[in-house]
Amino acid sequence: MPYLKSTLLLLLTVCCLGTGFGQKSNKVEKMAMEKTEKLNQAIIAGDAEEALTAAQAKEITALYVQMTKDVRAVKKAGGAADAIKAEQKTIRKAVSQKINKEILTKDQRAAKRKEKE
């Protein structure tokens, strides 16, 4: 009987931990999708015909997910606050440049700039 209780407690603990990690992952993906949608809306506001394609949206979302993980890893690694912020800024800037130079078309970049004005 004591073994049964211990086994059930262990199983319950593992299930709870697995659920918690799954929700954290979904939150990161949800934030990435929201950022991608915000970018798409900015492009559409500049020119409705230049919306992101499904492939572009998927690639950008994956970049945002990786960026969020990298930024969190820098924060978790610790160090001086200024150094952490500088490294996070570098990561964000690199992702932004990759999106603008490698993923978005020239017309999409122009539509995005047009919306900002």
PDB file of N, CA and C in Angstrom:
ATOM      1  N   MET A   1       0.820  -1.201   0.000  1.00  0.00           N
ATOM      2  CA  MET A   1       0.000   0.000   0.000  1.00  0.00           C
ATOM      3  C   MET A   1       0.865   1.268   0.000  1.00  0.00           C
ATOM      4  N   PRO A   2       1.950   1.343   0.811  1.00  0.00           N
ATOM      5  CA  PRO A   2       2.766   2.557   0.781  1.00  0.00           C
ATOM      6  C   PRO A   2       3.411   2.778  -0.586  1.00  0.00           C
ATOM      7  N   TYR A   3       3.730   1.684  -1.277  1.00  0.00           N
ATOM      8  CA  TYR A   3       4.329   1.815  -2.596  1.00  0.00           C
ATOM      9  C   TYR A   3       3.329   2.405  -3.586  1.00  0.00           C
ATOM     10  N   LEU A   4       2.080   2.045  -3.454  1.00  0.00           N
ATOM     11  CA  LEU A   4       1.033   2.550  -4.330  1.00  0.00           C
ATOM     12  C   LEU A   4       0.866   4.056  -4.149  1.00  0.00           C
ATOM     13  N   LYS A   5       0.847   4.499  -2.894  1.00  0.00           N
ATOM     14  CA  LYS A   5       0.721   5.921  -2.623  1.00  0.00           C
ATOM     15  C   LYS A   5       1.916   6.695  -3.177  1.00  0.00           C
ATOM     16  N   SER A   6       3.105   6.164  -2.979  1.00  0.00           N
ATOM     17  CA  SER A   6       4.314   6.827  -3.480  1.00  0.00           C
ATOM     18  C   SER A   6       4.310   6.892  -5.004  1.00  0.00           C
ATOM     19  N   THR A   7       3.893   5.809  -5.621  1.00  0.00           N
ATOM     20  CA  THR A   7       3.846   5.765  -7.076  1.00  0.00           C
ATOM     21  C   THR A   7       2.831   6.762  -7.622  1.00  0.00           C
ATOM     22  N   LEU A   8       1.664   6.813  -7.011  1.00  0.00           N
ATOM     23  CA  LEU A   8       0.632   7.749  -7.448  1.00  0.00           C
ATOM     24  C   LEU A   8       1.075   9.202  -7.237  1.00  0.00           C
ATOM     25  N   LEU A   9       1.728   9.472  -6.143  1.00  0.00           N
ATOM     26  CA  LEU A   9       2.229  10.821  -5.872  1.00  0.00           C
ATOM     27  C   LEU A   9       3.278  11.218  -6.906  1.00  0.00           C
ATOM     28  N   LEU A  10       4.159  10.306  -7.214  1.00  0.00           N
ATOM     29  CA  LEU A  10       5.188  10.560  -8.225  1.00  0.00           C
ATOM     30  C   LEU A  10       4.557  10.803  -9.593  1.00  0.00           C
ATOM     31  N   LEU A  11       3.594   9.996  -9.967  1.00  0.00           N
ATOM     32  CA  LEU A  11       2.899  10.150 -11.241  1.00  0.00           C
ATOM     33  C   LEU A  11       2.178  11.487 -11.314  1.00  0.00           C
ATOM     34  N   LEU A  12       1.524  11.867 -10.253  1.00  0.00           N
ATOM     35  CA  LEU A  12       0.820  13.144 -10.193  1.00  0.00           C
ATOM     36  C   LEU A  12       1.791  14.321 -10.335  1.00  0.00           C
ATOM     37  N   THR A  13       2.926  14.235  -9.679  1.00  0.00           N
ATOM     38  CA  THR A  13       3.937  15.288  -9.747  1.00  0.00           C
ATOM     39  C   THR A  13       4.466  15.443 -11.168  1.00  0.00           C
ATOM     40  N   VAL A  14       4.774  14.337 -11.814  1.00  0.00           N
ATOM     41  CA  VAL A  14       5.285  14.366 -13.185  1.00  0.00           C
ATOM     42  C   VAL A  14       4.243  14.971 -14.133  1.00  0.00           C
ATOM     43  N   CYS A  15       2.995  14.594 -13.960  1.00  0.00           N
ATOM     44  CA  CYS A  15       1.925  15.139 -14.809  1.00  0.00           C
ATOM     45  C   CYS A  15       1.773  16.646 -14.622  1.00  0.00           C
ATOM     46  N   CYS A  16       1.822  17.099 -13.394  1.00  0.00           N
ATOM     47  CA  CYS A  16       1.691  18.532 -13.119  1.00  0.00           C
ATOM     48  C   CYS A  16       2.855  19.321 -13.712  1.00  0.00           C
ATOM     49  N   LEU A  17       4.059  18.801 -13.573  1.00  0.00           N
ATOM     50  CA  LEU A  17       5.220  19.479 -14.134  1.00  0.00           C
ATOM     51  C   LEU A  17       5.148  19.516 -15.654  1.00  0.00           C
ATOM     52  N   GLY A  18       4.737  18.443 -16.271  1.00  0.00           N
ATOM     53  CA  GLY A  18       4.602  18.394 -17.726  1.00  0.00           C
ATOM     54  C   GLY A  18       3.577  19.394 -18.228  1.00  0.00           C
ATOM     55  N   THR A  19       2.484  19.529 -17.526  1.00  0.00           N
ATOM     56  CA  THR A  19       1.457  20.491 -17.901  1.00  0.00           C
ATOM     57  C   THR A  19       1.979  21.909 -17.788  1.00  0.00           C
ATOM     58  N   GLY A  20       2.719  22.198 -16.765  1.00  0.00           N
ATOM     59  CA  GLY A  20       3.270  23.538 -16.573  1.00  0.00           C
ATOM     60  C   GLY A  20       4.237  23.924 -17.680  1.00  0.00           C
ATOM     61  N   PHE A  21       5.110  22.996 -18.073  1.00  0.00           N
ATOM     62  CA  PHE A  21       6.051  23.290 -19.145  1.00  0.00           C
ATOM     63  C   PHE A  21       5.334  23.461 -20.477  1.00  0.00           C
ATOM     64  N   GLY A  22       4.302  22.686 -20.707  1.00  0.00           N
ATOM     65  CA  GLY A  22       3.534  22.793 -21.942  1.00  0.00           C
ATOM     66  C   GLY A  22       2.862  24.146 -22.068  1.00  0.00           C
ATOM     67  N   GLN A  23       2.339  24.667 -20.979  1.00  0.00           N
ATOM     68  CA  GLN A  23       1.672  25.965 -21.007  1.00  0.00           C
ATOM     69  C   GLN A  23       2.665  27.079 -21.261  1.00  0.00           C
ATOM     70  N   LYS A  24       3.862  26.981 -20.719  1.00  0.00           N
ATOM     71  CA  LYS A  24       4.876  28.006 -20.929  1.00  0.00           C
ATOM     72  C   LYS A  24       5.255  28.059 -22.403  1.00  0.00           C
ATOM     73  N   SER A  25       5.388  26.910 -23.025  1.00  0.00           N
ATOM     74  CA  SER A  25       5.728  26.840 -24.435  1.00  0.00           C
ATOM     75  C   SER A  25       4.613  27.450 -25.286  1.00  0.00           C
ATOM     76  N   ASN A  26       3.371  27.158 -24.942  1.00  0.00           N
ATOM     77  CA  ASN A  26       2.242  27.726 -25.672  1.00  0.00           C
ATOM     78  C   ASN A  26       2.212  29.239 -25.538  1.00  0.00           C
ATOM     79  N   LYS A  27       2.584  29.751 -24.392  1.00  0.00           N
ATOM     80  CA  LYS A  27       2.582  31.191 -24.169  1.00  0.00           C
ATOM     81  C   LYS A  27       3.597  31.875 -25.083  1.00  0.00           C
ATOM     82  N   VAL A  28       4.773  31.286 -25.223  1.00  0.00           N
ATOM     83  CA  VAL A  28       5.807  31.849 -26.095  1.00  0.00           C
ATOM     84  C   VAL A  28       5.321  31.839 -27.544  1.00  0.00           C
ATOM     85  N   GLU A  29       4.730  30.738 -27.963  1.00  0.00           N
ATOM     86  CA  GLU A  29       4.224  30.640 -29.329  1.00  0.00           C
ATOM     87  C   GLU A  29       3.082  31.623 -29.567  1.00  0.00           C
ATOM     88  N   LYS A  30       2.234  31.797 -28.577  1.00  0.00           N
ATOM     89  CA  LYS A  30       1.123  32.730 -28.705  1.00  0.00           C
ATOM     90  C   LYS A  30       1.642  34.162 -28.843  1.00  0.00           C
ATOM     91  N   MET A  31       2.646  34.515 -28.038  1.00  0.00           N
ATOM     92  CA  MET A  31       3.235  35.854 -28.134  1.00  0.00           C
ATOM     93  C   MET A  31       3.871  36.055 -29.511  1.00  0.00           C
ATOM     94  N   ALA A  32       4.531  35.031 -30.014  1.00  0.00           N
ATOM     95  CA  ALA A  32       5.178  35.125 -31.329  1.00  0.00           C
ATOM     96  C   ALA A  32       4.131  35.306 -32.427  1.00  0.00           C
ATOM     97  N   MET A  33       3.039  34.585 -32.328  1.00  0.00           N
ATOM     98  CA  MET A  33       1.965  34.735 -33.319  1.00  0.00           C
ATOM     99  C   MET A  33       1.353  36.130 -33.267  1.00  0.00           C
ATOM    100  N   GLU A  34       1.209  36.669 -32.055  1.00  0.00           N
ATOM    101  CA  GLU A  34       0.663  38.015 -31.911  1.00  0.00           C
ATOM    102  C   GLU A  34       1.595  39.046 -32.544  1.00  0.00           C
ATOM    103  N   LYS A  35       2.913  38.883 -32.349  1.00  0.00           N
ATOM    104  CA  LYS A  35       3.874  39.802 -32.955  1.00  0.00           C
ATOM    105  C   LYS A  35       3.832  39.701 -34.473  1.00  0.00           C
ATOM    106  N   THR A  36       3.714  38.490 -34.984  1.00  0.00           N
ATOM    107  CA  THR A  36       3.633  38.292 -36.428  1.00  0.00           C
ATOM    108  C   THR A  36       2.376  38.937 -36.985  1.00  0.00           C
ATOM    109  N   GLU A  37       1.272  38.765 -36.291  1.00  0.00           N
ATOM    110  CA  GLU A  37       0.008  39.374 -36.732  1.00  0.00           C
ATOM    111  C   GLU A  37       0.087  40.899 -36.685  1.00  0.00           C
ATOM    112  N   LYS A  38       0.735  41.432 -35.673  1.00  0.00           N
ATOM    113  CA  LYS A  38       0.909  42.880 -35.565  1.00  0.00           C
ATOM    114  C   LYS A  38       1.734  43.402 -36.745  1.00  0.00           C
ATOM    115  N   LEU A  39       2.794  42.679 -37.107  1.00  0.00           N
ATOM    116  CA  LEU A  39       3.608  43.046 -38.256  1.00  0.00           C
ATOM    117  C   LEU A  39       2.771  42.989 -39.533  1.00  0.00           C
ATOM    118  N   ASN A  40       1.989  41.933 -39.676  1.00  0.00           N
ATOM    119  CA  ASN A  40       1.143  41.786 -40.854  1.00  0.00           C
ATOM    120  C   ASN A  40       0.130  42.930 -40.942  1.00  0.00           C
ATOM    121  N   GLN A  41      -0.456  43.300 -39.818  1.00  0.00           N
ATOM    122  CA  GLN A  41      -1.417  44.405 -39.812  1.00  0.00           C
ATOM    123  C   GLN A  41      -0.751  45.722 -40.204  1.00  0.00           C
ATOM    124  N   ALA A  42       0.492  45.931 -39.782  1.00  0.00           N
ATOM    125  CA  ALA A  42       1.214  47.140 -40.148  1.00  0.00           C
ATOM    126  C   ALA A  42       1.461  47.174 -41.654  1.00  0.00           C
ATOM    127  N   ILE A  43       1.787  46.026 -42.224  1.00  0.00           N
ATOM    128  CA  ILE A  43       2.005  45.951 -43.671  1.00  0.00           C
ATOM    129  C   ILE A  43       0.701  46.191 -44.419  1.00  0.00           C
ATOM    130  N   ILE A  44      -0.372  45.562 -43.960  1.00  0.00           N
ATOM    131  CA  ILE A  44      -1.678  45.710 -44.603  1.00  0.00           C
ATOM    132  C   ILE A  44      -2.162  47.156 -44.519  1.00  0.00           C
ATOM    133  N   ALA A  45      -1.884  47.826 -43.411  1.00  0.00           N
ATOM    134  CA  ALA A  45      -2.290  49.225 -43.271  1.00  0.00           C
ATOM    135  C   ALA A  45      -1.584  50.105 -44.308  1.00  0.00           C
ATOM    136  N   GLY A  46      -0.368  49.745 -44.682  1.00  0.00           N
ATOM    137  CA  GLY A  46       0.364  50.487 -45.703  1.00  0.00           C
ATOM    138  C   GLY A  46      -0.098  50.131 -47.099  1.00  0.00           C
ATOM    139  N   ASP A  47      -0.354  48.857 -47.355  1.00  0.00           N
ATOM    140  CA  ASP A  47      -0.810  48.383 -48.661  1.00  0.00           C
ATOM    141  C   ASP A  47      -1.467  47.026 -48.466  1.00  0.00           C
ATOM    142  N   ALA A  48      -2.778  46.964 -48.678  1.00  0.00           N
ATOM    143  CA  ALA A  48      -3.553  45.755 -48.403  1.00  0.00           C
ATOM    144  C   ALA A  48      -3.126  44.564 -49.266  1.00  0.00           C
ATOM    145  N   GLU A  49      -2.528  44.815 -50.422  1.00  0.00           N
ATOM    146  CA  GLU A  49      -2.152  43.728 -51.321  1.00  0.00           C
ATOM    147  C   GLU A  49      -0.818  43.071 -50.945  1.00  0.00           C
ATOM    148  N   GLU A  50      -0.104  43.632 -49.998  1.00  0.00           N
ATOM    149  CA  GLU A  50       1.230  43.140 -49.640  1.00  0.00           C
ATOM    150  C   GLU A  50       1.250  42.331 -48.342  1.00  0.00           C
ATOM    151  N   ALA A  51       0.154  41.717 -47.986  1.00  0.00           N
ATOM    152  CA  ALA A  51       0.083  40.937 -46.744  1.00  0.00           C
ATOM    153  C   ALA A  51       1.099  39.802 -46.756  1.00  0.00           C
ATOM    154  N   LEU A  52       1.467  39.349 -45.572  1.00  0.00           N
ATOM    155  CA  LEU A  52       2.397  38.231 -45.442  1.00  0.00           C
ATOM    156  C   LEU A  52       1.788  36.960 -46.023  1.00  0.00           C
ATOM    157  N   THR A  53       2.619  36.163 -46.663  1.00  0.00           N
ATOM    158  CA  THR A  53       2.165  34.854 -47.116  1.00  0.00           C
ATOM    159  C   THR A  53       2.197  33.897 -45.919  1.00  0.00           C
ATOM    160  N   ALA A  54       1.584  32.760 -46.075  1.00  0.00           N
ATOM    161  CA  ALA A  54       1.569  31.777 -44.983  1.00  0.00           C
ATOM    162  C   ALA A  54       2.992  31.312 -44.649  1.00  0.00           C
ATOM    163  N   ALA A  55       3.815  31.130 -45.672  1.00  0.00           N
ATOM    164  CA  ALA A  55       5.195  30.693 -45.444  1.00  0.00           C
ATOM    165  C   ALA A  55       5.985  31.770 -44.700  1.00  0.00           C
ATOM    166  N   GLN A  56       5.795  33.029 -45.085  1.00  0.00           N
ATOM    167  CA  GLN A  56       6.484  34.127 -44.401  1.00  0.00           C
ATOM    168  C   GLN A  56       6.044  34.207 -42.951  1.00  0.00           C
ATOM    169  N   ALA A  57       4.738  34.114 -42.714  1.00  0.00           N
ATOM    170  CA  ALA A  57       4.214  34.196 -41.350  1.00  0.00           C
ATOM    171  C   ALA A  57       4.777  33.071 -40.484  1.00  0.00           C
ATOM    172  N   LYS A  58       4.862  31.877 -41.043  1.00  0.00           N
ATOM    173  CA  LYS A  58       5.392  30.732 -40.295  1.00  0.00           C
ATOM    174  C   LYS A  58       6.869  30.950 -39.950  1.00  0.00           C
ATOM    175  N   GLU A  59       7.637  31.449 -40.912  1.00  0.00           N
ATOM    176  CA  GLU A  59       9.065  31.678 -40.695  1.00  0.00           C
ATOM    177  C   GLU A  59       9.299  32.791 -39.668  1.00  0.00           C
ATOM    178  N   ILE A  60       8.512  33.853 -39.760  1.00  0.00           N
ATOM    179  CA  ILE A  60       8.651  34.971 -38.824  1.00  0.00           C
ATOM    180  C   ILE A  60       8.260  34.536 -37.418  1.00  0.00           C
ATOM    181  N   THR A  61       7.188  33.769 -37.304  1.00  0.00           N
ATOM    182  CA  THR A  61       6.757  33.274 -35.995  1.00  0.00           C
ATOM    183  C   THR A  61       7.853  32.415 -35.370  1.00  0.00           C
ATOM    184  N   ALA A  62       8.475  31.556 -36.161  1.00  0.00           N
ATOM    185  CA  ALA A  62       9.560  30.715 -35.652  1.00  0.00           C
ATOM    186  C   ALA A  62      10.734  31.572 -35.173  1.00  0.00           C
ATOM    187  N   LEU A  63      11.033  32.637 -35.908  1.00  0.00           N
ATOM    188  CA  LEU A  63      12.106  33.545 -35.492  1.00  0.00           C
ATOM    189  C   LEU A  63      11.766  34.229 -34.168  1.00  0.00           C
ATOM    190  N   TYR A  64      10.519  34.661 -34.027  1.00  0.00           N
ATOM    191  CA  TYR A  64      10.103  35.320 -32.784  1.00  0.00           C
ATOM    192  C   TYR A  64      10.150  34.351 -31.596  1.00  0.00           C
ATOM    193  N   VAL A  65       9.775  33.103 -31.824  1.00  0.00           N
ATOM    194  CA  VAL A  65       9.843  32.101 -30.749  1.00  0.00           C
ATOM    195  C   VAL A  65      11.298  31.921 -30.307  1.00  0.00           C
ATOM    196  N   GLN A  66      12.196  31.766 -31.280  1.00  0.00           N
ATOM    197  CA  GLN A  66      13.609  31.579 -30.963  1.00  0.00           C
ATOM    198  C   GLN A  66      14.174  32.827 -30.284  1.00  0.00           C
ATOM    199  N   MET A  67      13.766  34.001 -30.742  1.00  0.00           N
ATOM    200  CA  MET A  67      14.237  35.250 -30.140  1.00  0.00           C
ATOM    201  C   MET A  67      13.830  35.322 -28.669  1.00  0.00           C
ATOM    202  N   THR A  68      12.581  34.983 -28.388  1.00  0.00           N
ATOM    203  CA  THR A  68      12.095  35.019 -27.012  1.00  0.00           C
ATOM    204  C   THR A  68      12.880  34.050 -26.129  1.00  0.00           C
ATOM    205  N   LYS A  69      13.138  32.865 -26.649  1.00  0.00           N
ATOM    206  CA  LYS A  69      13.919  31.883 -25.885  1.00  0.00           C
ATOM    207  C   LYS A  69      15.334  32.384 -25.637  1.00  0.00           C
ATOM    208  N   ASP A  70      15.943  32.992 -26.662  1.00  0.00           N
ATOM    209  CA  ASP A  70      17.311  33.509 -26.516  1.00  0.00           C
ATOM    210  C   ASP A  70      17.372  34.655 -25.510  1.00  0.00           C
ATOM    211  N   VAL A  71      16.389  35.556 -25.571  1.00  0.00           N
ATOM    212  CA  VAL A  71      16.352  36.691 -24.647  1.00  0.00           C
ATOM    213  C   VAL A  71      16.190  36.200 -23.213  1.00  0.00           C
ATOM    214  N   ARG A  72      15.329  35.219 -23.031  1.00  0.00           N
ATOM    215  CA  ARG A  72      15.121  34.666 -21.685  1.00  0.00           C
ATOM    216  C   ARG A  72      16.373  33.950 -21.181  1.00  0.00           C
ATOM    217  N   ALA A  73      17.069  33.274 -22.085  1.00  0.00           N
ATOM    218  CA  ALA A  73      18.288  32.563 -21.689  1.00  0.00           C
ATOM    219  C   ALA A  73      19.363  33.549 -21.231  1.00  0.00           C
ATOM    220  N   VAL A  74      19.462  34.688 -21.905  1.00  0.00           N
ATOM    221  CA  VAL A  74      20.431  35.714 -21.513  1.00  0.00           C
ATOM    222  C   VAL A  74      20.093  36.230 -20.122  1.00  0.00           C
ATOM    223  N   LYS A  75      18.816  36.476 -19.885  1.00  0.00           N
ATOM    224  CA  LYS A  75      18.389  36.974 -18.581  1.00  0.00           C
ATOM    225  C   LYS A  75      18.647  35.937 -17.492  1.00  0.00           C
ATOM    226  N   LYS A  76      18.382  34.688 -17.815  1.00  0.00           N
ATOM    227  CA  LYS A  76      18.559  33.616 -16.837  1.00  0.00           C
ATOM    228  C   LYS A  76      20.039  33.385 -16.513  1.00  0.00           C
ATOM    229  N   ALA A  77      20.910  33.618 -17.495  1.00  0.00           N
ATOM    230  CA  ALA A  77      22.350  33.419 -17.285  1.00  0.00           C
ATOM    231  C   ALA A  77      22.899  34.406 -16.265  1.00  0.00           C
ATOM    232  N   GLY A  78      22.241  35.550 -16.138  1.00  0.00           N
ATOM    233  CA  GLY A  78      22.646  36.525 -15.139  1.00  0.00           C
ATOM    234  C   GLY A  78      23.771  37.420 -15.616  1.00  0.00           C
ATOM    235  N   GLY A  79      24.238  38.237 -14.702  1.00  0.00           N
ATOM    236  CA  GLY A  79      25.289  39.192 -15.013  1.00  0.00           C
ATOM    237  C   GLY A  79      24.822  40.599 -14.707  1.00  0.00           C
ATOM    238  N   ALA A  80      25.597  41.559 -15.156  1.00  0.00           N
ATOM    239  CA  ALA A  80      25.255  42.961 -14.925  1.00  0.00           C
ATOM    240  C   ALA A  80      24.019  43.325 -15.749  1.00  0.00           C
ATOM    241  N   ALA A  81      23.161  44.143 -15.164  1.00  0.00           N
ATOM    242  CA  ALA A  81      21.910  44.520 -15.816  1.00  0.00           C
ATOM    243  C   ALA A  81      22.155  45.193 -17.167  1.00  0.00           C
ATOM    244  N   ASP A  82      23.147  46.065 -17.226  1.00  0.00           N
ATOM    245  CA  ASP A  82      23.446  46.751 -18.482  1.00  0.00           C
ATOM    246  C   ASP A  82      23.908  45.772 -19.553  1.00  0.00           C
ATOM    247  N   ALA A  83      24.708  44.802 -19.171  1.00  0.00           N
ATOM    248  CA  ALA A  83      25.206  43.798 -20.116  1.00  0.00           C
ATOM    249  C   ALA A  83      24.061  42.923 -20.624  1.00  0.00           C
ATOM    250  N   ILE A  84      23.152  42.569 -19.738  1.00  0.00           N
ATOM    251  CA  ILE A  84      21.990  41.756 -20.124  1.00  0.00           C
ATOM    252  C   ILE A  84      21.138  42.517 -21.124  1.00  0.00           C
ATOM    253  N   LYS A  85      20.840  43.780 -20.827  1.00  0.00           N
ATOM    254  CA  LYS A  85      20.009  44.582 -21.725  1.00  0.00           C
ATOM    255  C   LYS A  85      20.680  44.775 -23.083  1.00  0.00           C
ATOM    256  N   ALA A  86      21.974  44.978 -23.075  1.00  0.00           N
ATOM    257  CA  ALA A  86      22.703  45.160 -24.330  1.00  0.00           C
ATOM    258  C   ALA A  86      22.649  43.888 -25.183  1.00  0.00           C
ATOM    259  N   GLU A  87      22.833  42.742 -24.541  1.00  0.00           N
ATOM    260  CA  GLU A  87      22.788  41.465 -25.269  1.00  0.00           C
ATOM    261  C   GLU A  87      21.385  41.200 -25.807  1.00  0.00           C
ATOM    262  N   GLN A  88      20.362  41.490 -24.999  1.00  0.00           N
ATOM    263  CA  GLN A  88      18.983  41.304 -25.450  1.00  0.00           C
ATOM    264  C   GLN A  88      18.676  42.225 -26.630  1.00  0.00           C
ATOM    265  N   LYS A  89      19.161  43.446 -26.566  1.00  0.00           N
ATOM    266  CA  LYS A  89      18.944  44.402 -27.656  1.00  0.00           C
ATOM    267  C   LYS A  89      19.602  43.901 -28.937  1.00  0.00           C
ATOM    268  N   THR A  90      20.787  43.334 -28.804  1.00  0.00           N
ATOM    269  CA  THR A  90      21.506  42.784 -29.957  1.00  0.00           C
ATOM    270  C   THR A  90      20.713  41.642 -30.592  1.00  0.00           C
ATOM    271  N   ILE A  91      20.151  40.774 -29.762  1.00  0.00           N
ATOM    272  CA  ILE A  91      19.355  39.645 -30.265  1.00  0.00           C
ATOM    273  C   ILE A  91      18.132  40.154 -31.006  1.00  0.00           C
ATOM    274  N   ARG A  92      17.422  41.098 -30.413  1.00  0.00           N
ATOM    275  CA  ARG A  92      16.210  41.641 -31.043  1.00  0.00           C
ATOM    276  C   ARG A  92      16.530  42.339 -32.366  1.00  0.00           C
ATOM    277  N   LYS A  93      17.620  43.087 -32.381  1.00  0.00           N
ATOM    278  CA  LYS A  93      18.015  43.811 -33.585  1.00  0.00           C
ATOM    279  C   LYS A  93      18.371  42.829 -34.702  1.00  0.00           C
ATOM    280  N   ALA A  94      19.074  41.759 -34.370  1.00  0.00           N
ATOM    281  CA  ALA A  94      19.448  40.753 -35.370  1.00  0.00           C
ATOM    282  C   ALA A  94      18.214  40.100 -35.985  1.00  0.00           C
ATOM    283  N   VAL A  95      17.226  39.787 -35.157  1.00  0.00           N
ATOM    284  CA  VAL A  95      15.992  39.179 -35.655  1.00  0.00           C
ATOM    285  C   VAL A  95      15.244  40.165 -36.545  1.00  0.00           C
ATOM    286  N   SER A  96      15.168  41.406 -36.115  1.00  0.00           N
ATOM    287  CA  SER A  96      14.492  42.431 -36.900  1.00  0.00           C
ATOM    288  C   SER A  96      15.155  42.614 -38.265  1.00  0.00           C
ATOM    289  N   GLN A  97      16.477  42.637 -38.284  1.00  0.00           N
ATOM    290  CA  GLN A  97      17.198  42.782 -39.543  1.00  0.00           C
ATOM    291  C   GLN A  97      16.974  41.577 -40.453  1.00  0.00           C
ATOM    292  N   LYS A  98      16.966  40.394 -39.860  1.00  0.00           N
ATOM    293  CA  LYS A  98      16.742  39.192 -40.661  1.00  0.00           C
ATOM    294  C   LYS A  98      15.352  39.216 -41.283  1.00  0.00           C
ATOM    295  N   ILE A  99      14.359  39.620 -40.511  1.00  0.00           N
ATOM    296  CA  ILE A  99      12.999  39.693 -41.034  1.00  0.00           C
ATOM    297  C   ILE A  99      12.935  40.702 -42.168  1.00  0.00           C
ATOM    298  N   ASN A 100      13.495  41.886 -41.945  1.00  0.00           N
ATOM    299  CA  ASN A 100      13.403  42.945 -42.946  1.00  0.00           C
ATOM    300  C   ASN A 100      14.236  42.675 -44.197  1.00  0.00           C
ATOM    301  N   LYS A 101      15.391  42.070 -44.053  1.00  0.00           N
ATOM    302  CA  LYS A 101      16.277  41.881 -45.201  1.00  0.00           C
ATOM    303  C   LYS A 101      16.091  40.552 -45.921  1.00  0.00           C
ATOM    304  N   GLU A 102      15.716  39.508 -45.193  1.00  0.00           N
ATOM    305  CA  GLU A 102      15.669  38.182 -45.805  1.00  0.00           C
ATOM    306  C   GLU A 102      14.261  37.641 -46.050  1.00  0.00           C
ATOM    307  N   ILE A 103      13.294  38.086 -45.271  1.00  0.00           N
ATOM    308  CA  ILE A 103      11.962  37.488 -45.386  1.00  0.00           C
ATOM    309  C   ILE A 103      10.981  38.404 -46.111  1.00  0.00           C
ATOM    310  N   LEU A 104      10.911  39.652 -45.683  1.00  0.00           N
ATOM    311  CA  LEU A 104       9.973  40.581 -46.314  1.00  0.00           C
ATOM    312  C   LEU A 104      10.464  40.982 -47.700  1.00  0.00           C
ATOM    313  N   THR A 105       9.499  41.168 -48.602  1.00  0.00           N
ATOM    314  CA  THR A 105       9.849  41.653 -49.935  1.00  0.00           C
ATOM    315  C   THR A 105      10.043  43.163 -49.876  1.00  0.00           C
ATOM    316  N   LYS A 106      10.581  43.708 -50.948  1.00  0.00           N
ATOM    317  CA  LYS A 106      10.808  45.151 -51.032  1.00  0.00           C
ATOM    318  C   LYS A 106       9.483  45.909 -50.892  1.00  0.00           C
ATOM    319  N   ASP A 107       8.437  45.407 -51.530  1.00  0.00           N
ATOM    320  CA  ASP A 107       7.128  46.057 -51.463  1.00  0.00           C
ATOM    321  C   ASP A 107       6.524  45.978 -50.060  1.00  0.00           C
ATOM    322  N   GLN A 108       6.756  44.872 -49.377  1.00  0.00           N
ATOM    323  CA  GLN A 108       6.247  44.734 -48.004  1.00  0.00           C
ATOM    324  C   GLN A 108       6.969  45.700 -47.069  1.00  0.00           C
ATOM    325  N   ARG A 109       8.279  45.849 -47.243  1.00  0.00           N
ATOM    326  CA  ARG A 109       9.026  46.807 -46.424  1.00  0.00           C
ATOM    327  C   ARG A 109       8.530  48.227 -46.677  1.00  0.00           C
ATOM    328  N   ALA A 110       8.252  48.538 -47.931  1.00  0.00           N
ATOM    329  CA  ALA A 110       7.749  49.872 -48.273  1.00  0.00           C
ATOM    330  C   ALA A 110       6.372  50.103 -47.650  1.00  0.00           C
ATOM    331  N   ALA A 111       5.516  49.087 -47.686  1.00  0.00           N
ATOM    332  CA  ALA A 111       4.182  49.209 -47.083  1.00  0.00           C
ATOM    333  C   ALA A 111       4.283  49.398 -45.574  1.00  0.00           C
ATOM    334  N   LYS A 112       5.216  48.720 -44.954  1.00  0.00           N
ATOM    335  CA  LYS A 112       5.423  48.855 -43.506  1.00  0.00           C
ATOM    336  C   LYS A 112       5.887  50.266 -43.159  1.00  0.00           C
ATOM    337  N   ARG A 113       6.833  50.775 -43.945  1.00  0.00           N
ATOM    338  CA  ARG A 113       7.314  52.154 -43.718  1.00  0.00           C
ATOM    339  C   ARG A 113       6.201  53.160 -43.945  1.00  0.00           C
ATOM    340  N   LYS A 114       5.385  52.925 -44.965  1.00  0.00           N
ATOM    341  CA  LYS A 114       4.276  53.827 -45.292  1.00  0.00           C
ATOM    342  C   LYS A 114       3.286  53.909 -44.129  1.00  0.00           C
ATOM    343  N   GLU A 115       3.048  52.781 -43.478  1.00  0.00           N
ATOM    344  CA  GLU A 115       2.120  52.748 -42.342  1.00  0.00           C
ATOM    345  C   GLU A 115       2.659  53.545 -41.172  1.00  0.00           C
ATOM    346  N   LYS A 116       3.980  53.521 -40.970  1.00  0.00           N
ATOM    347  CA  LYS A 116       4.582  54.235 -39.840  1.00  0.00           C
ATOM    348  C   LYS A 116       4.493  55.744 -39.998  1.00  0.00           C
ATOM    349  N   GLU A 117       4.443  56.195 -41.245  1.00  0.00           N
ATOM    350  CA  GLU A 117       4.414  57.655 -41.491  1.00  0.00           C
ATOM    351  C   GLU A 117       3.098  58.264 -41.226  1.00  0.00           C
TER     352      GLU A 117
END
